[in-house]
Amino acid sequence: MAIWDQIDEAKAVLDALPPLTNGSLIRLDEEFSLQFNYNSNRIEGSTLTEQETRLVVKDGVSIKGKPVQDQFAAIGHQKAYSYLCDLLHDGPLLSEEIIRQAHRFVLMGQPEDAGQYRTVPVYIGNADVILPSPHLVPA
């Protein structure tokens, strides 16, 4: 069976299910945003566990013995996610200023870099992806 046929079958199964309740949608969004936050920050080197990320983001708990920078990153990531989700209600507009504002939220613990284009080369560890040179980023 071709992959497209499998996808069509899976979609048909999903389409046959009853719609999710508002409560279920809220819980799914909360879980997705937590997983997105944890995994995104983990890739960047955060030392927070998934449970610690949940405590910082959902309960406002400060984790003793963990870098404040990691905790700020989790809070900032959640603020950026919420900001972008709120904008979706007004339409799918995306602008440079919206991207810079989301970046300010993500880097709330690093105000000197927040909302600024990077000036140094970056890479993704263990990946064959070549990212644009700093001078090409604005374009």
N, C-alpha and C. Protein backbone atom coordinates (compact mmCIF):
# COMPACT_ATOMS: atom_id res chain seq x y z
N MET A 1 0.85 -1.18 0.00
CA MET A 1 0.00 0.00 0.00
C MET A 1 0.90 1.24 0.00
N ALA A 2 0.60 2.20 -0.87
CA ALA A 2 1.37 3.43 -0.97
C ALA A 2 1.15 4.30 0.25
N ILE A 3 2.15 5.11 0.58
CA ILE A 3 2.07 5.97 1.76
C ILE A 3 0.86 6.91 1.68
N TRP A 4 0.54 7.40 0.47
CA TRP A 4 -0.60 8.30 0.32
C TRP A 4 -1.91 7.60 0.63
N ASP A 5 -2.00 6.33 0.29
CA ASP A 5 -3.20 5.56 0.62
C ASP A 5 -3.33 5.39 2.13
N GLN A 6 -2.19 5.17 2.80
CA GLN A 6 -2.20 5.03 4.26
C GLN A 6 -2.62 6.34 4.92
N ILE A 7 -2.13 7.43 4.37
CA ILE A 7 -2.51 8.75 4.91
C ILE A 7 -4.00 8.98 4.72
N ASP A 8 -4.51 8.64 3.52
CA ASP A 8 -5.94 8.81 3.26
C ASP A 8 -6.77 7.96 4.22
N GLU A 9 -6.33 6.74 4.48
CA GLU A 9 -7.06 5.87 5.41
C GLU A 9 -7.04 6.44 6.83
N ALA A 10 -5.88 6.92 7.26
CA ALA A 10 -5.76 7.50 8.60
C ALA A 10 -6.65 8.74 8.72
N LYS A 11 -6.67 9.56 7.69
CA LYS A 11 -7.52 10.75 7.70
C LYS A 11 -9.00 10.36 7.76
N ALA A 12 -9.38 9.34 7.05
CA ALA A 12 -10.77 8.89 7.07
C ALA A 12 -11.17 8.43 8.47
N VAL A 13 -10.26 7.75 9.16
CA VAL A 13 -10.53 7.32 10.53
C VAL A 13 -10.72 8.54 11.42
N LEU A 14 -9.83 9.53 11.29
CA LEU A 14 -9.96 10.74 12.10
C LEU A 14 -11.24 11.51 11.78
N ASP A 15 -11.57 11.60 10.50
CA ASP A 15 -12.78 12.32 10.10
C ASP A 15 -14.05 11.67 10.64
N ALA A 16 -14.00 10.36 10.89
CA ALA A 16 -15.18 9.65 11.39
C ALA A 16 -15.38 9.84 12.89
N LEU A 17 -14.38 10.34 13.58
CA LEU A 17 -14.50 10.55 15.02
C LEU A 17 -15.35 11.78 15.32
N PRO A 18 -16.00 11.79 16.46
CA PRO A 18 -16.77 12.98 16.82
C PRO A 18 -15.82 14.15 17.09
N PRO A 19 -16.30 15.37 16.92
CA PRO A 19 -15.44 16.54 17.17
C PRO A 19 -15.01 16.59 18.63
N LEU A 20 -13.85 17.18 18.85
CA LEU A 20 -13.35 17.33 20.21
C LEU A 20 -14.12 18.42 20.94
N THR A 21 -14.27 18.24 22.24
CA THR A 21 -14.92 19.27 23.05
C THR A 21 -13.95 20.44 23.24
N ASN A 22 -14.48 21.58 23.64
CA ASN A 22 -13.61 22.73 23.91
C ASN A 22 -12.60 22.41 25.00
N GLY A 23 -13.04 21.69 26.02
CA GLY A 23 -12.13 21.29 27.10
C GLY A 23 -10.99 20.42 26.59
N SER A 24 -11.32 19.48 25.69
CA SER A 24 -10.28 18.62 25.12
C SER A 24 -9.31 19.43 24.27
N LEU A 25 -9.84 20.38 23.51
CA LEU A 25 -8.97 21.22 22.68
C LEU A 25 -8.03 22.05 23.54
N ILE A 26 -8.53 22.56 24.65
CA ILE A 26 -7.70 23.35 25.56
C ILE A 26 -6.60 22.48 26.15
N ARG A 27 -6.95 21.27 26.59
CA ARG A 27 -5.95 20.36 27.16
C ARG A 27 -4.91 19.96 26.12
N LEU A 28 -5.34 19.69 24.89
CA LEU A 28 -4.40 19.35 23.82
C LEU A 28 -3.45 20.51 23.54
N ASP A 29 -3.98 21.72 23.50
CA ASP A 29 -3.13 22.89 23.26
C ASP A 29 -2.13 23.07 24.39
N GLU A 30 -2.58 22.90 25.63
CA GLU A 30 -1.66 23.03 26.78
C GLU A 30 -0.56 21.99 26.69
N GLU A 31 -0.92 20.76 26.36
CA GLU A 31 0.10 19.69 26.27
C GLU A 31 1.04 19.95 25.10
N PHE A 32 0.48 20.35 23.95
CA PHE A 32 1.33 20.65 22.80
C PHE A 32 2.30 21.78 23.12
N SER A 33 1.78 22.87 23.72
CA SER A 33 2.66 24.01 24.00
C SER A 33 3.75 23.63 24.99
N LEU A 34 3.44 22.80 25.96
CA LEU A 34 4.46 22.35 26.91
C LEU A 34 5.52 21.51 26.21
N GLN A 35 5.09 20.54 25.39
CA GLN A 35 6.03 19.69 24.67
C GLN A 35 6.89 20.51 23.71
N PHE A 36 6.26 21.44 23.00
CA PHE A 36 6.96 22.33 22.07
C PHE A 36 8.00 23.16 22.82
N ASN A 37 7.61 23.71 23.95
CA ASN A 37 8.49 24.51 24.79
C ASN A 37 9.68 23.67 25.27
N TYR A 38 9.37 22.55 25.90
CA TYR A 38 10.42 21.69 26.44
C TYR A 38 11.41 21.25 25.36
N ASN A 39 10.90 20.74 24.26
CA ASN A 39 11.78 20.22 23.21
C ASN A 39 12.57 21.32 22.51
N SER A 40 11.95 22.47 22.28
CA SER A 40 12.66 23.58 21.65
C SER A 40 13.80 24.06 22.53
N ASN A 41 13.53 24.20 23.82
CA ASN A 41 14.57 24.68 24.72
C ASN A 41 15.63 23.60 24.97
N ARG A 42 15.22 22.36 24.96
CA ARG A 42 16.18 21.26 25.14
C ARG A 42 17.19 21.26 24.00
N ILE A 43 16.72 21.48 22.77
CA ILE A 43 17.60 21.55 21.61
C ILE A 43 18.63 22.66 21.80
N GLU A 44 18.21 23.74 22.46
CA GLU A 44 19.10 24.88 22.69
C GLU A 44 20.00 24.68 23.90
N GLY A 45 19.88 23.54 24.57
CA GLY A 45 20.77 23.22 25.69
C GLY A 45 20.18 23.42 27.07
N SER A 46 18.88 23.64 27.17
CA SER A 46 18.27 23.81 28.49
C SER A 46 18.45 22.56 29.34
N THR A 47 18.67 22.78 30.62
CA THR A 47 18.84 21.67 31.55
C THR A 47 17.54 21.29 32.25
N LEU A 48 16.46 22.03 31.98
CA LEU A 48 15.18 21.71 32.62
C LEU A 48 14.61 20.39 32.10
N THR A 49 14.06 19.61 33.00
CA THR A 49 13.33 18.41 32.60
C THR A 49 11.94 18.84 32.12
N GLU A 50 11.20 17.90 31.56
CA GLU A 50 9.84 18.20 31.13
C GLU A 50 8.98 18.64 32.31
N GLN A 51 9.10 17.95 33.43
CA GLN A 51 8.31 18.29 34.62
C GLN A 51 8.72 19.66 35.16
N GLU A 52 10.01 19.97 35.16
CA GLU A 52 10.46 21.28 35.62
C GLU A 52 9.95 22.39 34.70
N THR A 53 9.94 22.12 33.39
CA THR A 53 9.40 23.09 32.44
C THR A 53 7.94 23.36 32.76
N ARG A 54 7.19 22.31 33.04
CA ARG A 54 5.77 22.45 33.39
C ARG A 54 5.62 23.31 34.66
N LEU A 55 6.43 23.05 35.66
CA LEU A 55 6.34 23.80 36.92
C LEU A 55 6.65 25.28 36.71
N VAL A 56 7.67 25.56 35.92
CA VAL A 56 8.06 26.95 35.65
C VAL A 56 6.98 27.67 34.86
N VAL A 57 6.50 27.03 33.80
CA VAL A 57 5.57 27.68 32.87
C VAL A 57 4.14 27.73 33.42
N LYS A 58 3.65 26.63 33.92
CA LYS A 58 2.24 26.55 34.32
C LYS A 58 2.00 27.04 35.75
N ASP A 59 2.96 26.76 36.64
CA ASP A 59 2.74 27.06 38.06
C ASP A 59 3.57 28.23 38.57
N GLY A 60 4.50 28.74 37.75
CA GLY A 60 5.33 29.87 38.17
C GLY A 60 6.33 29.51 39.25
N VAL A 61 6.70 28.24 39.33
CA VAL A 61 7.64 27.78 40.35
C VAL A 61 9.07 27.97 39.86
N SER A 62 9.92 28.51 40.71
CA SER A 62 11.34 28.64 40.40
C SER A 62 12.04 27.34 40.82
N ILE A 63 12.86 26.79 39.94
CA ILE A 63 13.52 25.51 40.22
C ILE A 63 14.91 25.77 40.79
N LYS A 64 15.06 25.44 42.06
CA LYS A 64 16.34 25.63 42.75
C LYS A 64 17.41 24.74 42.11
N GLY A 65 18.58 25.31 41.89
CA GLY A 65 19.69 24.55 41.34
C GLY A 65 19.73 24.51 39.82
N LYS A 66 18.74 25.07 39.17
CA LYS A 66 18.72 25.11 37.71
C LYS A 66 19.02 26.53 37.26
N PRO A 67 19.73 26.68 36.14
CA PRO A 67 20.08 28.03 35.68
C PRO A 67 18.85 28.91 35.46
N VAL A 68 18.93 30.12 35.96
CA VAL A 68 17.84 31.09 35.78
C VAL A 68 17.60 31.30 34.29
N GLN A 69 18.66 31.28 33.50
CA GLN A 69 18.54 31.48 32.06
C GLN A 69 17.61 30.43 31.44
N ASP A 70 17.72 29.18 31.88
CA ASP A 70 16.86 28.12 31.36
C ASP A 70 15.41 28.36 31.73
N GLN A 71 15.19 28.88 32.94
CA GLN A 71 13.84 29.15 33.39
C GLN A 71 13.23 30.34 32.65
N PHE A 72 14.05 31.37 32.42
CA PHE A 72 13.59 32.50 31.60
C PHE A 72 13.26 32.05 30.19
N ALA A 73 14.07 31.14 29.64
CA ALA A 73 13.83 30.66 28.28
C ALA A 73 12.48 29.95 28.20
N ALA A 74 12.14 29.15 29.20
CA ALA A 74 10.86 28.44 29.20
C ALA A 74 9.70 29.43 29.31
N ILE A 75 9.83 30.41 30.18
CA ILE A 75 8.77 31.42 30.34
C ILE A 75 8.63 32.23 29.06
N GLY A 76 9.76 32.66 28.50
CA GLY A 76 9.73 33.46 27.29
C GLY A 76 9.17 32.71 26.10
N HIS A 77 9.52 31.43 26.01
CA HIS A 77 8.99 30.61 24.92
C HIS A 77 7.48 30.52 25.01
N GLN A 78 6.97 30.34 26.22
CA GLN A 78 5.52 30.25 26.40
C GLN A 78 4.84 31.57 26.05
N LYS A 79 5.48 32.68 26.42
CA LYS A 79 4.91 34.00 26.08
C LYS A 79 4.87 34.19 24.57
N ALA A 80 5.94 33.78 23.88
CA ALA A 80 5.97 33.90 22.42
C ALA A 80 4.90 33.03 21.79
N TYR A 81 4.74 31.82 22.27
CA TYR A 81 3.72 30.91 21.74
C TYR A 81 2.33 31.51 21.93
N SER A 82 2.05 32.01 23.12
CA SER A 82 0.74 32.61 23.39
C SER A 82 0.52 33.84 22.53
N TYR A 83 1.53 34.66 22.38
CA TYR A 83 1.45 35.87 21.55
C TYR A 83 1.08 35.50 20.12
N LEU A 84 1.79 34.52 19.56
CA LEU A 84 1.52 34.12 18.17
C LEU A 84 0.14 33.48 18.02
N CYS A 85 -0.27 32.68 19.00
CA CYS A 85 -1.61 32.07 18.95
C CYS A 85 -2.69 33.14 19.00
N ASP A 86 -2.50 34.15 19.85
CA ASP A 86 -3.47 35.24 19.94
C ASP A 86 -3.58 35.97 18.62
N LEU A 87 -2.47 36.15 17.92
CA LEU A 87 -2.49 36.84 16.63
C LEU A 87 -3.25 36.05 15.57
N LEU A 88 -3.27 34.74 15.70
CA LEU A 88 -3.99 33.92 14.72
C LEU A 88 -5.48 34.23 14.69
N HIS A 89 -6.01 34.70 15.80
CA HIS A 89 -7.44 35.03 15.85
C HIS A 89 -7.75 36.26 15.00
N ASP A 90 -6.73 37.10 14.77
CA ASP A 90 -6.92 38.31 13.96
C ASP A 90 -6.60 38.08 12.50
N GLY A 91 -6.10 36.90 12.14
CA GLY A 91 -5.75 36.61 10.76
C GLY A 91 -4.33 36.11 10.66
N PRO A 92 -3.99 35.54 9.54
CA PRO A 92 -2.67 34.90 9.39
C PRO A 92 -1.55 35.86 8.98
N LEU A 93 -1.67 37.17 9.34
CA LEU A 93 -0.63 38.12 8.98
C LEU A 93 0.66 37.84 9.75
N LEU A 94 1.77 37.91 9.06
CA LEU A 94 3.07 37.76 9.69
C LEU A 94 3.94 38.88 9.17
N SER A 95 4.59 39.57 10.05
CA SER A 95 5.44 40.68 9.65
C SER A 95 6.78 40.58 10.37
N GLU A 96 7.71 41.39 9.92
CA GLU A 96 9.01 41.43 10.57
C GLU A 96 8.87 41.83 12.04
N GLU A 97 7.99 42.79 12.32
CA GLU A 97 7.82 43.25 13.70
C GLU A 97 7.22 42.14 14.57
N ILE A 98 6.30 41.36 14.03
CA ILE A 98 5.73 40.24 14.80
C ILE A 98 6.81 39.21 15.11
N ILE A 99 7.65 38.91 14.13
CA ILE A 99 8.75 37.96 14.35
C ILE A 99 9.71 38.50 15.41
N ARG A 100 10.05 39.79 15.30
CA ARG A 100 10.96 40.39 16.29
C ARG A 100 10.34 40.39 17.70
N GLN A 101 9.04 40.63 17.79
CA GLN A 101 8.39 40.63 19.10
C GLN A 101 8.39 39.22 19.70
N ALA A 102 8.10 38.22 18.89
CA ALA A 102 8.16 36.83 19.38
C ALA A 102 9.57 36.52 19.85
N HIS A 103 10.56 37.00 19.12
CA HIS A 103 11.97 36.79 19.49
C HIS A 103 12.29 37.48 20.81
N ARG A 104 11.73 38.67 21.03
CA ARG A 104 11.94 39.37 22.31
C ARG A 104 11.39 38.53 23.47
N PHE A 105 10.23 37.91 23.26
CA PHE A 105 9.68 37.05 24.31
C PHE A 105 10.60 35.85 24.56
N VAL A 106 11.03 35.20 23.48
CA VAL A 106 11.87 34.00 23.62
C VAL A 106 13.17 34.34 24.35
N LEU A 107 13.74 35.49 24.06
CA LEU A 107 15.02 35.87 24.66
C LEU A 107 14.86 36.86 25.80
N MET A 108 13.80 36.72 26.56
CA MET A 108 13.54 37.68 27.64
C MET A 108 14.66 37.74 28.67
N GLY A 109 15.44 36.70 28.79
CA GLY A 109 16.57 36.69 29.73
C GLY A 109 17.85 37.23 29.12
N GLN A 110 17.80 37.61 27.84
CA GLN A 110 18.97 38.14 27.14
C GLN A 110 18.56 39.42 26.40
N PRO A 111 18.26 40.48 27.11
CA PRO A 111 17.70 41.67 26.48
C PRO A 111 18.58 42.28 25.39
N GLU A 112 19.88 42.10 25.47
CA GLU A 112 20.76 42.68 24.45
C GLU A 112 20.60 42.03 23.09
N ASP A 113 20.14 40.80 23.03
CA ASP A 113 19.95 40.09 21.76
C ASP A 113 18.49 40.03 21.31
N ALA A 114 17.57 40.32 22.22
CA ALA A 114 16.14 40.15 21.94
C ALA A 114 15.68 41.07 20.82
N GLY A 115 15.03 40.48 19.83
CA GLY A 115 14.49 41.24 18.72
C GLY A 115 15.52 41.69 17.70
N GLN A 116 16.74 41.20 17.84
CA GLN A 116 17.84 41.59 16.95
C GLN A 116 18.21 40.43 16.02
N TYR A 117 18.69 40.78 14.84
CA TYR A 117 19.22 39.76 13.94
C TYR A 117 20.55 39.26 14.48
N ARG A 118 20.81 38.00 14.27
CA ARG A 118 22.09 37.46 14.75
C ARG A 118 23.24 38.00 13.90
N THR A 119 24.39 38.07 14.54
CA THR A 119 25.58 38.59 13.87
C THR A 119 26.69 37.55 13.78
N VAL A 120 26.39 36.36 14.21
CA VAL A 120 27.38 35.28 14.18
C VAL A 120 26.79 34.07 13.48
N PRO A 121 27.65 33.25 12.88
CA PRO A 121 27.14 32.02 12.25
C PRO A 121 26.60 31.06 13.31
N VAL A 122 25.60 30.28 12.95
CA VAL A 122 25.04 29.25 13.83
C VAL A 122 24.91 27.95 13.06
N TYR A 123 24.76 26.87 13.80
CA TYR A 123 24.58 25.56 13.18
C TYR A 123 23.68 24.72 14.06
N ILE A 124 23.18 23.64 13.50
CA ILE A 124 22.39 22.68 14.24
C ILE A 124 23.25 21.44 14.41
N GLY A 125 23.55 21.10 15.65
CA GLY A 125 24.40 19.95 15.91
C GLY A 125 23.82 18.66 15.34
N ASN A 126 24.69 17.82 14.81
CA ASN A 126 24.31 16.52 14.25
C ASN A 126 23.29 16.62 13.13
N ALA A 127 23.34 17.72 12.37
CA ALA A 127 22.42 17.88 11.24
C ALA A 127 23.20 18.39 10.04
N ASP A 128 22.75 18.02 8.87
CA ASP A 128 23.41 18.45 7.64
C ASP A 128 22.79 19.72 7.06
N VAL A 129 22.07 20.45 7.88
CA VAL A 129 21.42 21.68 7.43
C VAL A 129 22.42 22.83 7.48
N ILE A 130 22.49 23.60 6.40
CA ILE A 130 23.34 24.78 6.38
C ILE A 130 22.44 26.00 6.53
N LEU A 131 22.65 26.74 7.60
CA LEU A 131 21.83 27.92 7.88
C LEU A 131 22.43 29.14 7.20
N PRO A 132 21.63 30.15 6.91
CA PRO A 132 22.13 31.34 6.22
C PRO A 132 23.20 32.07 7.03
N SER A 133 24.13 32.66 6.31
CA SER A 133 25.14 33.53 6.94
C SER A 133 24.43 34.70 7.61
N PRO A 134 25.02 35.28 8.66
CA PRO A 134 24.36 36.39 9.36
C PRO A 134 23.93 37.54 8.45
N HIS A 135 24.75 37.88 7.46
CA HIS A 135 24.38 39.01 6.60
C HIS A 135 23.19 38.71 5.70
N LEU A 136 22.82 37.43 5.54
CA LEU A 136 21.67 37.06 4.72
C LEU A 136 20.36 36.93 5.51
N VAL A 137 20.46 36.95 6.81
CA VAL A 137 19.28 36.71 7.65
C VAL A 137 18.17 37.75 7.42
N PRO A 138 18.46 39.04 7.38
CA PRO A 138 17.36 40.01 7.17
C PRO A 138 16.58 39.75 5.87
N ALA A 139 17.26 39.34 4.84
CA ALA A 139 16.58 39.07 3.58
C ALA A 139 15.69 37.85 3.69
